[in-house]
Amino acid sequence: MKFKGKAWKFGADVDTDQIIPARYLNTSDPKELAKHCMEDADPQFVNKMKPGDIIVADKNFGCGSSREHAPIAIKAAGISCVIAKSFARIFYRNSFNMGLPILECPEAVDAIAEGNEVEVDLNTGEIKVNAECGMRNVEAAPKIFKAQAIPPFMQELINTGGLMEWVKKKVHGS
């Protein structure tokens, strides 16, 4: 599975309240949650980002409560994946359960600037950063990083759309 999109940078310790504020937890409708994705971290985020874009964050992304609404909101907003230095463990697990690809790669996070074009290959863990070198209309050579490998079972969860879809597939044999 490969993704390509514009990077949106966030700092350390972005908690689930910043990802999807508690005032919107009266619904579990992905489309409604998507409208408020990252609202308390950047009120204009959903108006600026485009489907396929990538969130890049410092350490401990998704800390706070264990709500599944956070990865649902990110995925439903159209974000293709999240790259961070580290993730809160419950967010890490919830992301795979909801089918949201996430990668840990501190070196890539440090190298990516907001607005860079980023390509991700989940099969290899490769993250390619395309950045301008400062001269008008000139791009620097892409920088390539290797994220921690995603175990095959977790990749299978992502490919089937999350844990519930994976279970349905196994139960119904389709």
N, C-alpha and C. Protein backbone atom coordinates (compact mmCIF):
# COMPACT_ATOMS: atom_id res chain seq x y z
N MET A 1 0.85 -1.16 0.00
CA MET A 1 0.00 0.00 0.00
C MET A 1 0.90 1.23 0.00
N LYS A 2 0.62 2.17 -0.91
CA LYS A 2 1.43 3.38 -1.03
C LYS A 2 0.55 4.62 -0.91
N PHE A 3 1.13 5.66 -0.33
CA PHE A 3 0.43 6.94 -0.16
C PHE A 3 1.34 8.07 -0.60
N LYS A 4 0.73 9.15 -1.05
CA LYS A 4 1.48 10.35 -1.40
C LYS A 4 0.60 11.55 -1.06
N GLY A 5 1.17 12.48 -0.28
CA GLY A 5 0.38 13.64 0.09
C GLY A 5 1.21 14.73 0.72
N LYS A 6 0.57 15.83 0.99
CA LYS A 6 1.20 16.98 1.63
C LYS A 6 1.28 16.74 3.13
N ALA A 7 2.40 17.14 3.72
CA ALA A 7 2.61 16.97 5.16
C ALA A 7 2.00 18.12 5.95
N TRP A 8 1.32 17.76 7.03
CA TRP A 8 0.78 18.71 8.00
C TRP A 8 1.45 18.40 9.33
N LYS A 9 2.22 19.35 9.85
CA LYS A 9 3.04 19.11 11.05
C LYS A 9 2.33 19.54 12.33
N PHE A 10 2.51 18.69 13.34
CA PHE A 10 2.01 18.97 14.68
C PHE A 10 3.12 18.65 15.67
N GLY A 11 3.03 19.21 16.85
CA GLY A 11 4.07 19.06 17.86
C GLY A 11 3.95 17.78 18.67
N ALA A 12 4.55 17.82 19.85
CA ALA A 12 4.55 16.68 20.76
C ALA A 12 3.28 16.66 21.60
N ASP A 13 2.94 15.47 22.06
CA ASP A 13 1.84 15.27 23.01
C ASP A 13 0.49 15.78 22.50
N VAL A 14 0.22 15.58 21.22
CA VAL A 14 -1.10 15.91 20.68
C VAL A 14 -2.06 14.86 21.23
N ASP A 15 -2.99 15.32 22.07
CA ASP A 15 -3.88 14.35 22.72
C ASP A 15 -5.17 14.15 21.93
N THR A 16 -5.94 13.17 22.36
CA THR A 16 -7.15 12.82 21.64
C THR A 16 -8.19 13.95 21.67
N ASP A 17 -8.13 14.81 22.67
CA ASP A 17 -9.03 15.97 22.70
C ASP A 17 -8.69 16.97 21.61
N GLN A 18 -7.42 17.06 21.24
CA GLN A 18 -7.04 17.94 20.14
C GLN A 18 -7.39 17.30 18.80
N ILE A 19 -7.32 15.98 18.74
CA ILE A 19 -7.64 15.27 17.50
C ILE A 19 -9.14 15.32 17.24
N ILE A 20 -9.94 14.98 18.25
CA ILE A 20 -11.40 15.10 18.14
C ILE A 20 -11.91 15.53 19.51
N PRO A 21 -12.29 16.81 19.64
CA PRO A 21 -12.72 17.33 20.93
C PRO A 21 -13.90 16.56 21.53
N ALA A 22 -13.88 16.46 22.85
CA ALA A 22 -14.91 15.70 23.58
C ALA A 22 -16.32 16.18 23.27
N ARG A 23 -16.48 17.45 22.93
CA ARG A 23 -17.83 17.97 22.66
C ARG A 23 -18.48 17.32 21.44
N TYR A 24 -17.70 16.57 20.64
CA TYR A 24 -18.26 15.90 19.46
C TYR A 24 -18.40 14.39 19.66
N LEU A 25 -18.22 13.92 20.86
CA LEU A 25 -18.26 12.47 21.10
C LEU A 25 -19.68 11.93 21.24
N ASN A 26 -20.68 12.77 21.01
CA ASN A 26 -22.06 12.30 21.05
C ASN A 26 -22.44 11.58 19.75
N THR A 27 -21.49 11.45 18.83
CA THR A 27 -21.72 10.71 17.60
C THR A 27 -20.55 9.79 17.32
N SER A 28 -20.80 8.73 16.61
CA SER A 28 -19.70 7.89 16.13
C SER A 28 -19.73 7.83 14.60
N ASP A 29 -20.51 8.74 14.00
CA ASP A 29 -20.60 8.83 12.55
C ASP A 29 -19.28 9.37 11.99
N PRO A 30 -18.54 8.57 11.23
CA PRO A 30 -17.25 9.02 10.71
C PRO A 30 -17.31 10.34 9.94
N LYS A 31 -18.35 10.56 9.14
CA LYS A 31 -18.44 11.80 8.37
C LYS A 31 -18.57 13.02 9.28
N GLU A 32 -19.32 12.88 10.34
CA GLU A 32 -19.48 13.99 11.29
C GLU A 32 -18.19 14.22 12.06
N LEU A 33 -17.54 13.15 12.50
CA LEU A 33 -16.27 13.28 13.21
C LEU A 33 -15.21 13.93 12.32
N ALA A 34 -15.20 13.57 11.05
CA ALA A 34 -14.21 14.11 10.10
C ALA A 34 -14.27 15.63 10.02
N LYS A 35 -15.45 16.20 10.15
CA LYS A 35 -15.62 17.66 10.06
C LYS A 35 -14.87 18.39 11.17
N HIS A 36 -14.55 17.68 12.25
CA HIS A 36 -13.94 18.31 13.42
C HIS A 36 -12.54 17.78 13.71
N CYS A 37 -11.98 17.04 12.77
CA CYS A 37 -10.65 16.45 12.94
C CYS A 37 -9.60 17.53 13.19
N MET A 38 -8.83 17.38 14.24
CA MET A 38 -7.72 18.27 14.63
C MET A 38 -8.19 19.69 14.94
N GLU A 39 -9.47 19.87 15.19
CA GLU A 39 -10.06 21.19 15.37
C GLU A 39 -9.42 21.99 16.50
N ASP A 40 -9.10 21.35 17.62
CA ASP A 40 -8.52 22.10 18.73
C ASP A 40 -7.02 22.29 18.60
N ALA A 41 -6.38 21.60 17.67
CA ALA A 41 -4.96 21.80 17.39
C ALA A 41 -4.79 22.85 16.29
N ASP A 42 -5.69 22.83 15.29
CA ASP A 42 -5.67 23.78 14.18
C ASP A 42 -7.11 23.90 13.67
N PRO A 43 -7.82 24.97 14.09
CA PRO A 43 -9.24 25.11 13.73
C PRO A 43 -9.55 25.06 12.22
N GLN A 44 -8.57 25.38 11.38
CA GLN A 44 -8.80 25.37 9.93
C GLN A 44 -8.28 24.12 9.24
N PHE A 45 -7.81 23.15 10.01
CA PHE A 45 -7.17 21.97 9.44
C PHE A 45 -8.00 21.30 8.34
N VAL A 46 -9.26 20.97 8.62
CA VAL A 46 -10.06 20.24 7.64
C VAL A 46 -10.37 21.07 6.40
N ASN A 47 -10.27 22.39 6.52
CA ASN A 47 -10.48 23.25 5.35
C ASN A 47 -9.22 23.36 4.49
N LYS A 48 -8.07 23.13 5.09
CA LYS A 48 -6.79 23.26 4.37
C LYS A 48 -6.31 21.94 3.78
N MET A 49 -6.52 20.85 4.48
CA MET A 49 -5.98 19.57 4.03
C MET A 49 -6.81 19.00 2.88
N LYS A 50 -6.20 18.07 2.17
CA LYS A 50 -6.88 17.40 1.07
C LYS A 50 -6.80 15.89 1.30
N PRO A 51 -7.76 15.13 0.79
CA PRO A 51 -7.69 13.68 0.93
C PRO A 51 -6.35 13.15 0.42
N GLY A 52 -5.77 12.26 1.20
CA GLY A 52 -4.47 11.70 0.84
C GLY A 52 -3.32 12.35 1.58
N ASP A 53 -3.55 13.52 2.18
CA ASP A 53 -2.50 14.20 2.92
C ASP A 53 -2.08 13.39 4.13
N ILE A 54 -0.96 13.80 4.73
CA ILE A 54 -0.33 13.02 5.80
C ILE A 54 -0.09 13.91 7.02
N ILE A 55 -0.45 13.41 8.18
CA ILE A 55 -0.14 14.11 9.43
C ILE A 55 1.24 13.64 9.89
N VAL A 56 2.07 14.61 10.28
CA VAL A 56 3.41 14.33 10.80
C VAL A 56 3.49 14.99 12.17
N ALA A 57 3.88 14.22 13.18
CA ALA A 57 3.87 14.76 14.54
C ALA A 57 5.09 14.31 15.32
N ASP A 58 5.35 15.04 16.38
CA ASP A 58 6.46 14.73 17.27
C ASP A 58 6.11 13.51 18.11
N LYS A 59 6.56 13.44 19.32
CA LYS A 59 6.39 12.25 20.17
C LYS A 59 5.01 12.21 20.84
N ASN A 60 4.59 11.01 21.19
CA ASN A 60 3.42 10.76 22.01
C ASN A 60 2.11 11.22 21.35
N PHE A 61 2.01 11.07 20.05
CA PHE A 61 0.78 11.45 19.34
C PHE A 61 -0.35 10.53 19.79
N GLY A 62 -1.51 11.12 20.07
CA GLY A 62 -2.69 10.35 20.45
C GLY A 62 -2.78 10.02 21.92
N CYS A 63 -2.02 10.75 22.75
CA CYS A 63 -2.10 10.50 24.19
C CYS A 63 -3.46 10.98 24.71
N GLY A 64 -3.73 10.69 25.96
CA GLY A 64 -5.00 11.11 26.54
C GLY A 64 -5.94 9.94 26.66
N SER A 65 -7.19 10.17 26.34
CA SER A 65 -8.20 9.12 26.52
C SER A 65 -8.04 8.02 25.48
N SER A 66 -8.73 6.93 25.71
CA SER A 66 -8.61 5.77 24.83
C SER A 66 -9.67 5.77 23.73
N ARG A 67 -10.27 6.91 23.47
CA ARG A 67 -11.38 6.94 22.51
C ARG A 67 -10.97 6.51 21.11
N GLU A 68 -11.80 5.66 20.53
CA GLU A 68 -11.58 5.21 19.16
C GLU A 68 -11.97 6.29 18.16
N HIS A 69 -12.68 7.30 18.62
CA HIS A 69 -13.12 8.38 17.75
C HIS A 69 -11.93 9.10 17.10
N ALA A 70 -10.79 9.14 17.78
CA ALA A 70 -9.63 9.89 17.27
C ALA A 70 -9.13 9.32 15.94
N PRO A 71 -8.76 8.03 15.88
CA PRO A 71 -8.33 7.52 14.57
C PRO A 71 -9.45 7.48 13.54
N ILE A 72 -10.69 7.31 14.00
CA ILE A 72 -11.82 7.34 13.06
C ILE A 72 -11.91 8.72 12.40
N ALA A 73 -11.80 9.78 13.19
CA ALA A 73 -11.89 11.14 12.66
C ALA A 73 -10.77 11.42 11.65
N ILE A 74 -9.56 10.99 11.98
CA ILE A 74 -8.42 11.22 11.09
C ILE A 74 -8.62 10.48 9.76
N LYS A 75 -8.98 9.22 9.86
CA LYS A 75 -9.18 8.42 8.65
C LYS A 75 -10.35 8.96 7.81
N ALA A 76 -11.46 9.29 8.47
CA ALA A 76 -12.64 9.78 7.75
C ALA A 76 -12.39 11.14 7.12
N ALA A 77 -11.49 11.94 7.68
CA ALA A 77 -11.16 13.24 7.10
C ALA A 77 -10.38 13.07 5.79
N GLY A 78 -9.83 11.88 5.58
CA GLY A 78 -9.11 11.62 4.34
C GLY A 78 -7.60 11.56 4.49
N ILE A 79 -7.12 11.68 5.71
CA ILE A 79 -5.68 11.56 5.95
C ILE A 79 -5.26 10.13 5.61
N SER A 80 -4.22 9.98 4.79
CA SER A 80 -3.82 8.64 4.37
C SER A 80 -3.03 7.90 5.44
N CYS A 81 -2.23 8.63 6.23
CA CYS A 81 -1.49 7.99 7.31
C CYS A 81 -0.92 9.06 8.25
N VAL A 82 -0.43 8.60 9.38
CA VAL A 82 0.20 9.49 10.36
C VAL A 82 1.61 8.98 10.60
N ILE A 83 2.57 9.89 10.54
CA ILE A 83 3.96 9.57 10.85
C ILE A 83 4.30 10.37 12.10
N ALA A 84 4.85 9.71 13.11
CA ALA A 84 5.22 10.40 14.34
C ALA A 84 6.48 9.78 14.92
N LYS A 85 7.09 10.52 15.85
CA LYS A 85 8.25 9.98 16.55
C LYS A 85 7.82 8.81 17.44
N SER A 86 6.65 8.94 18.04
CA SER A 86 6.07 7.85 18.84
C SER A 86 4.58 8.11 19.01
N PHE A 87 3.87 7.06 19.35
CA PHE A 87 2.42 7.12 19.56
C PHE A 87 2.10 6.62 20.96
N ALA A 88 1.05 7.18 21.53
CA ALA A 88 0.51 6.61 22.76
C ALA A 88 0.07 5.19 22.41
N ARG A 89 0.34 4.26 23.29
CA ARG A 89 0.08 2.84 22.99
C ARG A 89 -1.38 2.55 22.65
N ILE A 90 -2.34 3.13 23.38
CA ILE A 90 -3.74 2.84 23.08
C ILE A 90 -4.14 3.43 21.73
N PHE A 91 -3.61 4.61 21.39
CA PHE A 91 -3.88 5.19 20.07
C PHE A 91 -3.28 4.30 18.98
N TYR A 92 -2.08 3.81 19.24
CA TYR A 92 -1.41 2.92 18.28
C TYR A 92 -2.32 1.74 17.95
N ARG A 93 -2.83 1.08 18.99
CA ARG A 93 -3.68 -0.08 18.77
C ARG A 93 -5.02 0.30 18.13
N ASN A 94 -5.62 1.37 18.62
CA ASN A 94 -6.91 1.81 18.05
C ASN A 94 -6.76 2.16 16.57
N SER A 95 -5.63 2.74 16.19
CA SER A 95 -5.42 3.10 14.78
C SER A 95 -5.48 1.88 13.89
N PHE A 96 -4.77 0.83 14.27
CA PHE A 96 -4.81 -0.39 13.47
C PHE A 96 -6.19 -1.02 13.50
N ASN A 97 -6.85 -0.99 14.67
CA ASN A 97 -8.21 -1.53 14.76
C ASN A 97 -9.18 -0.80 13.85
N MET A 98 -8.94 0.49 13.62
CA MET A 98 -9.82 1.29 12.77
C MET A 98 -9.33 1.34 11.32
N GLY A 99 -8.16 0.76 11.05
CA GLY A 99 -7.64 0.73 9.69
C GLY A 99 -6.88 1.98 9.29
N LEU A 100 -6.38 2.74 10.28
CA LEU A 100 -5.59 3.95 10.00
C LEU A 100 -4.11 3.60 10.03
N PRO A 101 -3.41 3.73 8.91
CA PRO A 101 -1.98 3.43 8.91
C PRO A 101 -1.18 4.47 9.70
N ILE A 102 -0.28 3.99 10.54
CA ILE A 102 0.60 4.88 11.30
C ILE A 102 2.02 4.32 11.26
N LEU A 103 2.99 5.23 11.26
CA LEU A 103 4.40 4.84 11.20
C LEU A 103 5.20 5.63 12.21
N GLU A 104 6.12 4.95 12.88
CA GLU A 104 7.05 5.62 13.79
C GLU A 104 8.40 5.78 13.10
N CYS A 105 8.85 7.04 12.98
CA CYS A 105 10.14 7.30 12.34
C CYS A 105 10.64 8.68 12.75
N PRO A 106 11.34 8.77 13.89
CA PRO A 106 11.82 10.07 14.37
C PRO A 106 12.65 10.85 13.35
N GLU A 107 13.50 10.16 12.60
CA GLU A 107 14.36 10.85 11.63
C GLU A 107 13.53 11.51 10.52
N ALA A 108 12.50 10.83 10.06
CA ALA A 108 11.64 11.42 9.02
C ALA A 108 10.89 12.62 9.57
N VAL A 109 10.38 12.51 10.79
CA VAL A 109 9.66 13.62 11.40
C VAL A 109 10.55 14.86 11.47
N ASP A 110 11.80 14.67 11.88
CA ASP A 110 12.73 15.80 11.96
C ASP A 110 13.02 16.42 10.60
N ALA A 111 13.00 15.61 9.55
CA ALA A 111 13.34 16.09 8.20
C ALA A 111 12.17 16.70 7.45
N ILE A 112 10.96 16.35 7.83
CA ILE A 112 9.77 16.81 7.10
C ILE A 112 9.35 18.19 7.60
N ALA A 113 9.14 19.09 6.65
CA ALA A 113 8.59 20.42 6.96
C ALA A 113 7.13 20.44 6.49
N GLU A 114 6.33 21.25 7.15
CA GLU A 114 4.94 21.36 6.71
C GLU A 114 4.92 21.79 5.25
N GLY A 115 4.09 21.10 4.49
CA GLY A 115 3.95 21.41 3.07
C GLY A 115 4.79 20.52 2.17
N ASN A 116 5.78 19.82 2.73
CA ASN A 116 6.56 18.89 1.91
C ASN A 116 5.65 17.81 1.35
N GLU A 117 6.00 17.34 0.17
CA GLU A 117 5.31 16.18 -0.38
C GLU A 117 6.00 14.94 0.19
N VAL A 118 5.18 14.03 0.71
CA VAL A 118 5.70 12.83 1.35
C VAL A 118 5.08 11.61 0.68
N GLU A 119 5.93 10.63 0.40
CA GLU A 119 5.47 9.36 -0.15
C GLU A 119 5.77 8.27 0.87
N VAL A 120 4.80 7.40 1.09
CA VAL A 120 4.95 6.32 2.07
C VAL A 120 4.62 5.00 1.39
N ASP A 121 5.49 4.02 1.61
CA ASP A 121 5.24 2.66 1.15
C ASP A 121 5.10 1.79 2.39
N LEU A 122 3.89 1.41 2.73
CA LEU A 122 3.66 0.62 3.95
C LEU A 122 4.31 -0.76 3.88
N ASN A 123 4.42 -1.30 2.68
CA ASN A 123 5.00 -2.64 2.55
C ASN A 123 6.48 -2.66 2.93
N THR A 124 7.20 -1.59 2.61
CA THR A 124 8.64 -1.54 2.89
C THR A 124 8.97 -0.67 4.09
N GLY A 125 8.02 0.19 4.51
CA GLY A 125 8.29 1.14 5.59
C GLY A 125 9.05 2.35 5.11
N GLU A 126 9.21 2.48 3.80
CA GLU A 126 9.98 3.60 3.24
C GLU A 126 9.16 4.89 3.22
N ILE A 127 9.80 5.96 3.67
CA ILE A 127 9.20 7.28 3.67
C ILE A 127 10.11 8.17 2.82
N LYS A 128 9.56 8.72 1.75
CA LYS A 128 10.35 9.59 0.86
C LYS A 128 9.83 11.01 1.00
N VAL A 129 10.74 11.92 1.28
CA VAL A 129 10.39 13.33 1.47
C VAL A 129 10.90 14.13 0.29
N ASN A 130 9.99 14.75 -0.42
CA ASN A 130 10.36 15.62 -1.54
C ASN A 130 10.28 17.05 -1.05
N ALA A 131 11.42 17.74 -1.09
CA ALA A 131 11.48 19.10 -0.55
C ALA A 131 12.15 20.04 -1.54
N GLU A 132 11.73 21.28 -1.53
CA GLU A 132 12.38 22.30 -2.35
C GLU A 132 13.72 22.66 -1.71
N CYS A 133 14.68 22.98 -2.50
CA CYS A 133 16.00 23.30 -1.96
C CYS A 133 16.19 24.79 -1.73
N GLY A 134 15.18 25.60 -1.96
CA GLY A 134 15.29 27.03 -1.69
C GLY A 134 15.39 27.87 -2.95
N MET A 135 15.80 27.27 -4.04
CA MET A 135 15.85 28.01 -5.30
C MET A 135 14.49 27.89 -5.97
N ARG A 136 14.09 28.91 -6.68
CA ARG A 136 12.77 28.91 -7.30
C ARG A 136 12.56 27.70 -8.21
N ASN A 137 11.48 27.01 -7.98
CA ASN A 137 11.07 25.86 -8.79
C ASN A 137 12.12 24.76 -8.89
N VAL A 138 12.98 24.65 -7.90
CA VAL A 138 14.00 23.61 -7.91
C VAL A 138 13.79 22.73 -6.69
N GLU A 139 13.77 21.44 -6.92
CA GLU A 139 13.61 20.51 -5.80
C GLU A 139 14.95 19.88 -5.46
N ALA A 140 15.16 19.69 -4.19
CA ALA A 140 16.35 18.96 -3.72
C ALA A 140 16.11 17.48 -3.97
N ALA A 141 17.17 16.70 -3.93
CA ALA A 141 17.02 15.25 -4.06
C ALA A 141 16.15 14.75 -2.92
N PRO A 142 15.25 13.84 -3.20
CA PRO A 142 14.39 13.30 -2.14
C PRO A 142 15.21 12.66 -1.03
N LYS A 143 14.74 12.80 0.18
CA LYS A 143 15.35 12.15 1.33
C LYS A 143 14.52 10.91 1.62
N ILE A 144 15.20 9.80 1.88
CA ILE A 144 14.50 8.54 2.11
C ILE A 144 14.81 8.05 3.52
N PHE A 145 13.74 7.63 4.21
CA PHE A 145 13.86 7.14 5.59
C PHE A 145 13.17 5.79 5.68
N LYS A 146 13.54 5.05 6.69
CA LYS A 146 12.95 3.73 6.91
C LYS A 146 12.25 3.72 8.27
N ALA A 147 10.95 3.53 8.26
CA ALA A 147 10.16 3.45 9.49
C ALA A 147 10.24 2.05 10.07
N GLN A 148 9.83 1.93 11.32
CA GLN A 148 9.72 0.61 11.93
C GLN A 148 8.76 -0.22 11.08
N ALA A 149 9.11 -1.46 10.89
CA ALA A 149 8.26 -2.35 10.09
C ALA A 149 6.92 -2.58 10.77
N ILE A 150 5.88 -2.62 9.97
CA ILE A 150 4.54 -2.95 10.48
C ILE A 150 4.36 -4.45 10.31
N PRO A 151 4.07 -5.15 11.39
CA PRO A 151 3.91 -6.61 11.30
C PRO A 151 2.84 -6.99 10.27
N PRO A 152 3.02 -8.13 9.61
CA PRO A 152 2.07 -8.55 8.56
C PRO A 152 0.62 -8.55 9.00
N PHE A 153 0.33 -9.01 10.23
CA PHE A 153 -1.06 -9.03 10.68
C PHE A 153 -1.64 -7.61 10.76
N MET A 154 -0.83 -6.65 11.24
CA MET A 154 -1.30 -5.27 11.33
C MET A 154 -1.53 -4.70 9.93
N GLN A 155 -0.67 -5.07 8.97
CA GLN A 155 -0.88 -4.64 7.59
C GLN A 155 -2.18 -5.22 7.04
N GLU A 156 -2.46 -6.46 7.42
CA GLU A 156 -3.71 -7.09 6.98
C GLU A 156 -4.92 -6.34 7.54
N LEU A 157 -4.84 -5.89 8.79
CA LEU A 157 -5.93 -5.10 9.37
C LEU A 157 -6.15 -3.83 8.56
N ILE A 158 -5.07 -3.13 8.22
CA ILE A 158 -5.17 -1.90 7.44
C ILE A 158 -5.78 -2.20 6.07
N ASN A 159 -5.28 -3.23 5.41
CA ASN A 159 -5.74 -3.57 4.06
C ASN A 159 -7.21 -3.94 4.01
N THR A 160 -7.74 -4.49 5.11
CA THR A 160 -9.16 -4.88 5.11
C THR A 160 -10.06 -3.79 5.69
N GLY A 161 -9.46 -2.67 6.15
CA GLY A 161 -10.26 -1.56 6.66
C GLY A 161 -10.43 -1.54 8.16
N GLY A 162 -9.66 -2.36 8.88
CA GLY A 162 -9.73 -2.37 10.34
C GLY A 162 -10.17 -3.71 10.89
N LEU A 163 -10.17 -3.81 12.20
CA LEU A 163 -10.45 -5.07 12.88
C LEU A 163 -11.85 -5.61 12.58
N MET A 164 -12.86 -4.76 12.62
CA MET A 164 -14.23 -5.23 12.39
C MET A 164 -14.39 -5.81 10.98
N GLU A 165 -13.82 -5.13 9.99
CA GLU A 165 -13.90 -5.64 8.62
C GLU A 165 -13.11 -6.94 8.47
N TRP A 166 -11.98 -7.03 9.17
CA TRP A 166 -11.17 -8.25 9.14
C TRP A 166 -11.96 -9.42 9.72
N VAL A 167 -12.64 -9.18 10.85
CA VAL A 167 -13.44 -10.23 11.49
C VAL A 167 -14.58 -10.65 10.57
N LYS A 168 -15.27 -9.67 9.97
CA LYS A 168 -16.36 -10.01 9.04
C LYS A 168 -15.85 -10.88 7.92
N LYS A 169 -14.69 -10.54 7.38
CA LYS A 169 -14.11 -11.32 6.28
C LYS A 169 -13.80 -12.74 6.74
N LYS A 170 -13.26 -12.89 7.94
CA LYS A 170 -12.91 -14.22 8.44
C LYS A 170 -14.15 -15.05 8.74
N VAL A 171 -15.17 -14.41 9.32
CA VAL A 171 -16.39 -15.11 9.70
C VAL A 171 -17.18 -15.53 8.45
N HIS A 172 -17.28 -14.61 7.50
CA HIS A 172 -18.08 -14.88 6.30
C HIS A 172 -17.26 -15.51 5.18
N GLY A 173 -15.95 -15.61 5.39
CA GLY A 173 -15.09 -16.29 4.42
C GLY A 173 -14.96 -15.59 3.08
N SER A 174 -15.21 -14.30 3.05
CA SER A 174 -15.10 -13.59 1.75
C SER A 174 -13.79 -12.92 1.61
